[in-house]
Amino acid sequence: MLDHMRKEEDLAIPAAETALLPADWLMIDTAFRAHQNPLFGPRPQQEFGKLYARIAGLAPKKLRRLMTPRREQQL
């Protein structure tokens, strides 16, 4: 995966920067914003939320009050 990412950074992105027009970048940006990664979409978030609640429920009471749900940390 790192090799793939390095090729994107070293080859694909520089080529795109020289070849694509502003309208092309707008179209790409729109497509990326509409895409939902299946690993991080609503369903996995819901499943991780349930798992977090279960783990937090098993933690000692002293630790439970220190545990902040992830979504609250991001606010």
PDB file of N, CA and C in Angstrom:
ATOM      1  N   MET A   1       0.822  -1.182   0.000  1.00  0.00           N
ATOM      2  CA  MET A   1       0.000   0.000   0.000  1.00  0.00           C
ATOM      3  C   MET A   1       0.878   1.263   0.000  1.00  0.00           C
ATOM      4  N   LEU A   2       1.953   1.219   0.777  1.00  0.00           N
ATOM      5  CA  LEU A   2       2.852   2.379   0.797  1.00  0.00           C
ATOM      6  C   LEU A   2       3.477   2.628  -0.570  1.00  0.00           C
ATOM      7  N   ASP A   3       3.819   1.544  -1.270  1.00  0.00           N
ATOM      8  CA  ASP A   3       4.380   1.681  -2.614  1.00  0.00           C
ATOM      9  C   ASP A   3       3.360   2.326  -3.547  1.00  0.00           C
ATOM     10  N   HIS A   4       2.120   1.900  -3.430  1.00  0.00           N
ATOM     11  CA  HIS A   4       1.040   2.461  -4.244  1.00  0.00           C
ATOM     12  C   HIS A   4       0.881   3.962  -3.948  1.00  0.00           C
ATOM     13  N   MET A   5       0.867   4.312  -2.663  1.00  0.00           N
ATOM     14  CA  MET A   5       0.715   5.715  -2.283  1.00  0.00           C
ATOM     15  C   MET A   5       1.894   6.557  -2.775  1.00  0.00           C
ATOM     16  N   ARG A   6       3.092   5.993  -2.709  1.00  0.00           N
ATOM     17  CA  ARG A   6       4.275   6.703  -3.177  1.00  0.00           C
ATOM     18  C   ARG A   6       4.179   6.968  -4.688  1.00  0.00           C
ATOM     19  N   LYS A   7       3.678   5.994  -5.453  1.00  0.00           N
ATOM     20  CA  LYS A   7       3.514   6.193  -6.890  1.00  0.00           C
ATOM     21  C   LYS A   7       2.498   7.288  -7.173  1.00  0.00           C
ATOM     22  N   GLU A   8       1.420   7.310  -6.389  1.00  0.00           N
ATOM     23  CA  GLU A   8       0.434   8.381  -6.564  1.00  0.00           C
ATOM     24  C   GLU A   8       1.073   9.742  -6.322  1.00  0.00           C
ATOM     25  N   GLU A   9       1.831   9.845  -5.224  1.00  0.00           N
ATOM     26  CA  GLU A   9       2.441  11.123  -4.861  1.00  0.00           C
ATOM     27  C   GLU A   9       3.547  11.545  -5.824  1.00  0.00           C
ATOM     28  N   ASP A  10       4.339  10.582  -6.284  1.00  0.00           N
ATOM     29  CA  ASP A  10       5.484  10.908  -7.134  1.00  0.00           C
ATOM     30  C   ASP A  10       5.143  11.007  -8.616  1.00  0.00           C
ATOM     31  N   LEU A  11       4.137  10.257  -9.065  1.00  0.00           N
ATOM     32  CA  LEU A  11       3.829  10.214 -10.494  1.00  0.00           C
ATOM     33  C   LEU A  11       2.450  10.762 -10.851  1.00  0.00           C
ATOM     34  N   ALA A  12       1.413  10.182 -10.263  1.00  0.00           N
ATOM     35  CA  ALA A  12       0.046  10.512 -10.671  1.00  0.00           C
ATOM     36  C   ALA A  12      -0.341  11.950 -10.326  1.00  0.00           C
ATOM     37  N   ILE A  13      -0.088  12.365  -9.101  1.00  0.00           N
ATOM     38  CA  ILE A  13      -0.510  13.708  -8.693  1.00  0.00           C
ATOM     39  C   ILE A  13       0.248  14.789  -9.463  1.00  0.00           C
ATOM     40  N   PRO A  14       1.586  14.708  -9.595  1.00  0.00           N
ATOM     41  CA  PRO A  14       2.262  15.739 -10.409  1.00  0.00           C
ATOM     42  C   PRO A  14       1.754  15.773 -11.852  1.00  0.00           C
ATOM     43  N   ALA A  15       1.481  14.608 -12.427  1.00  0.00           N
ATOM     44  CA  ALA A  15       0.958  14.585 -13.801  1.00  0.00           C
ATOM     45  C   ALA A  15      -0.419  15.238 -13.857  1.00  0.00           C
ATOM     46  N   ALA A  16      -1.255  14.942 -12.858  1.00  0.00           N
ATOM     47  CA  ALA A  16      -2.594  15.534 -12.817  1.00  0.00           C
ATOM     48  C   ALA A  16      -2.518  17.049 -12.644  1.00  0.00           C
ATOM     49  N   GLU A  17      -1.593  17.514 -11.827  1.00  0.00           N
ATOM     50  CA  GLU A  17      -1.457  18.956 -11.596  1.00  0.00           C
ATOM     51  C   GLU A  17      -1.108  19.716 -12.872  1.00  0.00           C
ATOM     52  N   THR A  18      -0.377  19.075 -13.753  1.00  0.00           N
ATOM     53  CA  THR A  18      -0.004  19.762 -14.996  1.00  0.00           C
ATOM     54  C   THR A  18      -1.044  19.565 -16.103  1.00  0.00           C
ATOM     55  N   ALA A  19      -1.818  18.496 -16.048  1.00  0.00           N
ATOM     56  CA  ALA A  19      -2.720  18.181 -17.146  1.00  0.00           C
ATOM     57  C   ALA A  19      -4.174  18.612 -16.923  1.00  0.00           C
ATOM     58  N   LEU A  20      -4.612  18.671 -15.663  1.00  0.00           N
ATOM     59  CA  LEU A  20      -6.028  18.942 -15.408  1.00  0.00           C
ATOM     60  C   LEU A  20      -6.324  20.424 -15.281  1.00  0.00           C
ATOM     61  N   LEU A  21      -7.499  20.802 -15.744  1.00  0.00           N
ATOM     62  CA  LEU A  21      -7.980  22.187 -15.673  1.00  0.00           C
ATOM     63  C   LEU A  21      -8.785  22.391 -14.395  1.00  0.00           C
ATOM     64  N   PRO A  22      -9.026  23.635 -13.979  1.00  0.00           N
ATOM     65  CA  PRO A  22      -9.835  23.882 -12.782  1.00  0.00           C
ATOM     66  C   PRO A  22     -11.203  23.174 -12.804  1.00  0.00           C
ATOM     67  N   ALA A  23     -11.834  23.139 -13.968  1.00  0.00           N
ATOM     68  CA  ALA A  23     -13.131  22.455 -14.074  1.00  0.00           C
ATOM     69  C   ALA A  23     -12.985  20.959 -13.805  1.00  0.00           C
ATOM     70  N   ASP A  24     -11.865  20.385 -14.217  1.00  0.00           N
ATOM     71  CA  ASP A  24     -11.602  18.965 -13.947  1.00  0.00           C
ATOM     72  C   ASP A  24     -11.472  18.719 -12.444  1.00  0.00           C
ATOM     73  N   TRP A  25     -10.746  19.607 -11.751  1.00  0.00           N
ATOM     74  CA  TRP A  25     -10.557  19.464 -10.313  1.00  0.00           C
ATOM     75  C   TRP A  25     -11.886  19.594  -9.575  1.00  0.00           C
ATOM     76  N   LEU A  26     -12.743  20.475 -10.055  1.00  0.00           N
ATOM     77  CA  LEU A  26     -14.062  20.633  -9.445  1.00  0.00           C
ATOM     78  C   LEU A  26     -14.875  19.352  -9.583  1.00  0.00           C
ATOM     79  N   MET A  27     -14.821  18.744 -10.752  1.00  0.00           N
ATOM     80  CA  MET A  27     -15.535  17.494 -10.983  1.00  0.00           C
ATOM     81  C   MET A  27     -14.978  16.375 -10.085  1.00  0.00           C
ATOM     82  N   ILE A  28     -13.672  16.307  -9.943  1.00  0.00           N
ATOM     83  CA  ILE A  28     -13.032  15.303  -9.088  1.00  0.00           C
ATOM     84  C   ILE A  28     -13.425  15.536  -7.632  1.00  0.00           C
ATOM     85  N   ASP A  29     -13.377  16.790  -7.199  1.00  0.00           N
ATOM     86  CA  ASP A  29     -13.747  17.124  -5.824  1.00  0.00           C
ATOM     87  C   ASP A  29     -15.193  16.728  -5.533  1.00  0.00           C
ATOM     88  N   THR A  30     -16.083  16.996  -6.459  1.00  0.00           N
ATOM     89  CA  THR A  30     -17.494  16.637  -6.294  1.00  0.00           C
ATOM     90  C   THR A  30     -17.653  15.124  -6.163  1.00  0.00           C
ATOM     91  N   ALA A  31     -16.945  14.376  -6.994  1.00  0.00           N
ATOM     92  CA  ALA A  31     -17.032  12.917  -6.941  1.00  0.00           C
ATOM     93  C   ALA A  31     -16.501  12.379  -5.617  1.00  0.00           C
ATOM     94  N   PHE A  32     -15.386  12.923  -5.128  1.00  0.00           N
ATOM     95  CA  PHE A  32     -14.828  12.454  -3.858  1.00  0.00           C
ATOM     96  C   PHE A  32     -15.746  12.777  -2.688  1.00  0.00           C
ATOM     97  N   ARG A  33     -16.363  13.937  -2.715  1.00  0.00           N
ATOM     98  CA  ARG A  33     -17.267  14.309  -1.623  1.00  0.00           C
ATOM     99  C   ARG A  33     -18.509  13.419  -1.599  1.00  0.00           C
ATOM    100  N   ALA A  34     -18.931  12.936  -2.750  1.00  0.00           N
ATOM    101  CA  ALA A  34     -20.121  12.079  -2.823  1.00  0.00           C
ATOM    102  C   ALA A  34     -19.813  10.632  -2.438  1.00  0.00           C
ATOM    103  N   HIS A  35     -18.555  10.254  -2.478  1.00  0.00           N
ATOM    104  CA  HIS A  35     -18.156   8.878  -2.199  1.00  0.00           C
ATOM    105  C   HIS A  35     -18.122   8.610  -0.706  1.00  0.00           C
ATOM    106  N   GLN A  36     -18.642   7.451  -0.316  1.00  0.00           N
ATOM    107  CA  GLN A  36     -18.536   7.035   1.078  1.00  0.00           C
ATOM    108  C   GLN A  36     -17.648   5.810   1.153  1.00  0.00           C
ATOM    109  N   ASN A  37     -16.615   5.899   1.944  1.00  0.00           N
ATOM    110  CA  ASN A  37     -15.726   4.770   2.160  1.00  0.00           C
ATOM    111  C   ASN A  37     -16.479   3.713   2.953  1.00  0.00           C
ATOM    112  N   PRO A  38     -16.566   2.488   2.449  1.00  0.00           N
ATOM    113  CA  PRO A  38     -17.328   1.453   3.164  1.00  0.00           C
ATOM    114  C   PRO A  38     -16.735   1.110   4.524  1.00  0.00           C
ATOM    115  N   LEU A  39     -15.477   1.445   4.749  1.00  0.00           N
ATOM    116  CA  LEU A  39     -14.865   1.160   6.047  1.00  0.00           C
ATOM    117  C   LEU A  39     -15.199   2.225   7.085  1.00  0.00           C
ATOM    118  N   PHE A  40     -15.621   3.412   6.645  1.00  0.00           N
ATOM    119  CA  PHE A  40     -15.848   4.505   7.581  1.00  0.00           C
ATOM    120  C   PHE A  40     -17.215   5.151   7.422  1.00  0.00           C
ATOM    121  N   GLY A  41     -18.126   4.515   6.717  1.00  0.00           N
ATOM    122  CA  GLY A  41     -19.463   5.058   6.518  1.00  0.00           C
ATOM    123  C   GLY A  41     -20.332   4.908   7.754  1.00  0.00           C
ATOM    124  N   PRO A  42     -21.610   5.198   7.617  1.00  0.00           N
ATOM    125  CA  PRO A  42     -22.522   5.166   8.759  1.00  0.00           C
ATOM    126  C   PRO A  42     -22.620   3.801   9.459  1.00  0.00           C
ATOM    127  N   ARG A  43     -22.655   2.733   8.686  1.00  0.00           N
ATOM    128  CA  ARG A  43     -22.801   1.418   9.310  1.00  0.00           C
ATOM    129  C   ARG A  43     -21.604   1.049  10.203  1.00  0.00           C
ATOM    130  N   PRO A  44     -20.353   1.140   9.698  1.00  0.00           N
ATOM    131  CA  PRO A  44     -19.221   0.851  10.590  1.00  0.00           C
ATOM    132  C   PRO A  44     -19.176   1.778  11.797  1.00  0.00           C
ATOM    133  N   GLN A  45     -19.528   3.044  11.617  1.00  0.00           N
ATOM    134  CA  GLN A  45     -19.539   3.968  12.749  1.00  0.00           C
ATOM    135  C   GLN A  45     -20.538   3.508  13.800  1.00  0.00           C
ATOM    136  N   GLN A  46     -21.685   3.048  13.343  1.00  0.00           N
ATOM    137  CA  GLN A  46     -22.707   2.555  14.273  1.00  0.00           C
ATOM    138  C   GLN A  46     -22.200   1.307  14.994  1.00  0.00           C
ATOM    139  N   GLU A  47     -21.571   0.401  14.254  1.00  0.00           N
ATOM    140  CA  GLU A  47     -21.047  -0.820  14.863  1.00  0.00           C
ATOM    141  C   GLU A  47     -19.935  -0.510  15.866  1.00  0.00           C
ATOM    142  N   PHE A  48     -19.043   0.418  15.519  1.00  0.00           N
ATOM    143  CA  PHE A  48     -17.985   0.803  16.442  1.00  0.00           C
ATOM    144  C   PHE A  48     -18.568   1.506  17.669  1.00  0.00           C
ATOM    145  N   GLY A  49     -19.628   2.267  17.466  1.00  0.00           N
ATOM    146  CA  GLY A  49     -20.299   2.923  18.591  1.00  0.00           C
ATOM    147  C   GLY A  49     -20.851   1.911  19.576  1.00  0.00           C
ATOM    148  N   LYS A  50     -21.452   0.850  19.053  1.00  0.00           N
ATOM    149  CA  LYS A  50     -21.976  -0.218  19.918  1.00  0.00           C
ATOM    150  C   LYS A  50     -20.831  -0.909  20.659  1.00  0.00           C
ATOM    151  N   LEU A  51     -19.744  -1.180  19.957  1.00  0.00           N
ATOM    152  CA  LEU A  51     -18.592  -1.820  20.580  1.00  0.00           C
ATOM    153  C   LEU A  51     -18.004  -0.918  21.665  1.00  0.00           C
ATOM    154  N   TYR A  52     -17.890   0.369  21.368  1.00  0.00           N
ATOM    155  CA  TYR A  52     -17.360   1.316  22.355  1.00  0.00           C
ATOM    156  C   TYR A  52     -18.244   1.322  23.602  1.00  0.00           C
ATOM    157  N   ALA A  53     -19.567   1.363  23.403  1.00  0.00           N
ATOM    158  CA  ALA A  53     -20.489   1.379  24.546  1.00  0.00           C
ATOM    159  C   ALA A  53     -20.328   0.114  25.376  1.00  0.00           C
ATOM    160  N   ARG A  54     -20.143  -0.997  24.716  1.00  0.00           N
ATOM    161  CA  ARG A  54     -19.957  -2.266  25.442  1.00  0.00           C
ATOM    162  C   ARG A  54     -18.664  -2.238  26.260  1.00  0.00           C
ATOM    163  N   ILE A  55     -17.583  -1.796  25.638  1.00  0.00           N
ATOM    164  CA  ILE A  55     -16.291  -1.716  26.332  1.00  0.00           C
ATOM    165  C   ILE A  55     -16.385  -0.733  27.502  1.00  0.00           C
ATOM    166  N   ALA A  56     -16.986   0.425  27.260  1.00  0.00           N
ATOM    167  CA  ALA A  56     -17.121   1.429  28.316  1.00  0.00           C
ATOM    168  C   ALA A  56     -17.962   0.889  29.468  1.00  0.00           C
ATOM    169  N   GLY A  57     -18.984   0.098  29.140  1.00  0.00           N
ATOM    170  CA  GLY A  57     -19.824  -0.492  30.180  1.00  0.00           C
ATOM    171  C   GLY A  57     -19.081  -1.507  31.026  1.00  0.00           C
ATOM    172  N   LEU A  58     -18.055  -2.125  30.475  1.00  0.00           N
ATOM    173  CA  LEU A  58     -17.267  -3.113  31.209  1.00  0.00           C
ATOM    174  C   LEU A  58     -16.128  -2.484  32.013  1.00  0.00           C
ATOM    175  N   ALA A  59     -15.820  -1.242  31.732  1.00  0.00           N
ATOM    176  CA  ALA A  59     -14.714  -0.563  32.413  1.00  0.00           C
ATOM    177  C   ALA A  59     -15.100  -0.261  33.865  1.00  0.00           C
ATOM    178  N   PRO A  60     -14.107  -0.203  34.741  1.00  0.00           N
ATOM    179  CA  PRO A  60     -14.391   0.186  36.127  1.00  0.00           C
ATOM    180  C   PRO A  60     -15.019   1.582  36.168  1.00  0.00           C
ATOM    181  N   LYS A  61     -15.868   1.815  37.160  1.00  0.00           N
ATOM    182  CA  LYS A  61     -16.583   3.097  37.246  1.00  0.00           C
ATOM    183  C   LYS A  61     -15.644   4.297  37.236  1.00  0.00           C
ATOM    184  N   LYS A  62     -14.486   4.180  37.865  1.00  0.00           N
ATOM    185  CA  LYS A  62     -13.533   5.297  37.898  1.00  0.00           C
ATOM    186  C   LYS A  62     -13.084   5.691  36.489  1.00  0.00           C
ATOM    187  N   LEU A  63     -12.950   4.689  35.622  1.00  0.00           N
ATOM    188  CA  LEU A  63     -12.506   4.974  34.245  1.00  0.00           C
ATOM    189  C   LEU A  63     -13.655   5.434  33.361  1.00  0.00           C
ATOM    190  N   ARG A  64     -14.869   4.960  33.616  1.00  0.00           N
ATOM    191  CA  ARG A  64     -16.012   5.295  32.761  1.00  0.00           C
ATOM    192  C   ARG A  64     -16.222   6.793  32.645  1.00  0.00           C
ATOM    193  N   ARG A  65     -16.068   7.510  33.759  1.00  0.00           N
ATOM    194  CA  ARG A  65     -16.322   8.956  33.693  1.00  0.00           C
ATOM    195  C   ARG A  65     -15.238   9.683  32.903  1.00  0.00           C
ATOM    196  N   LEU A  66     -14.073   9.059  32.723  1.00  0.00           N
ATOM    197  CA  LEU A  66     -12.993   9.667  31.940  1.00  0.00           C
ATOM    198  C   LEU A  66     -13.125   9.373  30.453  1.00  0.00           C
ATOM    199  N   MET A  67     -13.917   8.380  30.126  1.00  0.00           N
ATOM    200  CA  MET A  67     -14.053   7.958  28.728  1.00  0.00           C
ATOM    201  C   MET A  67     -15.056   8.864  28.016  1.00  0.00           C
ATOM    202  N   THR A  68     -14.600   9.482  26.945  1.00  0.00           N
ATOM    203  CA  THR A  68     -15.459  10.354  26.154  1.00  0.00           C
ATOM    204  C   THR A  68     -15.716   9.678  24.819  1.00  0.00           C
ATOM    205  N   PRO A  69     -16.983   9.555  24.413  1.00  0.00           N
ATOM    206  CA  PRO A  69     -17.236   8.980  23.089  1.00  0.00           C
ATOM    207  C   PRO A  69     -16.470   9.732  22.015  1.00  0.00           C
ATOM    208  N   ARG A  70     -16.004   9.017  21.032  1.00  0.00           N
ATOM    209  CA  ARG A  70     -15.159   9.572  19.968  1.00  0.00           C
ATOM    210  C   ARG A  70     -15.818  10.747  19.268  1.00  0.00           C
ATOM    211  N   ARG A  71     -17.107  10.648  18.971  1.00  0.00           N
ATOM    212  CA  ARG A  71     -17.758  11.726  18.234  1.00  0.00           C
ATOM    213  C   ARG A  71     -17.794  13.010  19.049  1.00  0.00           C
ATOM    214  N   GLU A  72     -17.850  12.924  20.378  1.00  0.00           N
ATOM    215  CA  GLU A  72     -17.825  14.118  21.204  1.00  0.00           C
ATOM    216  C   GLU A  72     -16.436  14.740  21.216  1.00  0.00           C
ATOM    217  N   GLN A  73     -15.386  13.917  21.093  1.00  0.00           N
ATOM    218  CA  GLN A  73     -14.022  14.431  21.073  1.00  0.00           C
ATOM    219  C   GLN A  73     -13.791  15.273  19.824  1.00  0.00           C
ATOM    220  N   GLN A  74     -14.479  14.947  18.742  1.00  0.00           N
ATOM    221  CA  GLN A  74     -14.261  15.646  17.472  1.00  0.00           C
ATOM    222  C   GLN A  74     -14.996  16.980  17.424  1.00  0.00           C
ATOM    223  N   LEU A  75     -15.968  17.210  18.307  1.00  0.00           N
ATOM    224  CA  LEU A  75     -16.759  18.446  18.275  1.00  0.00           C
ATOM    225  C   LEU A  75     -15.982  19.627  18.793  1.00  0.00           C
TER     226      LEU A  75
END
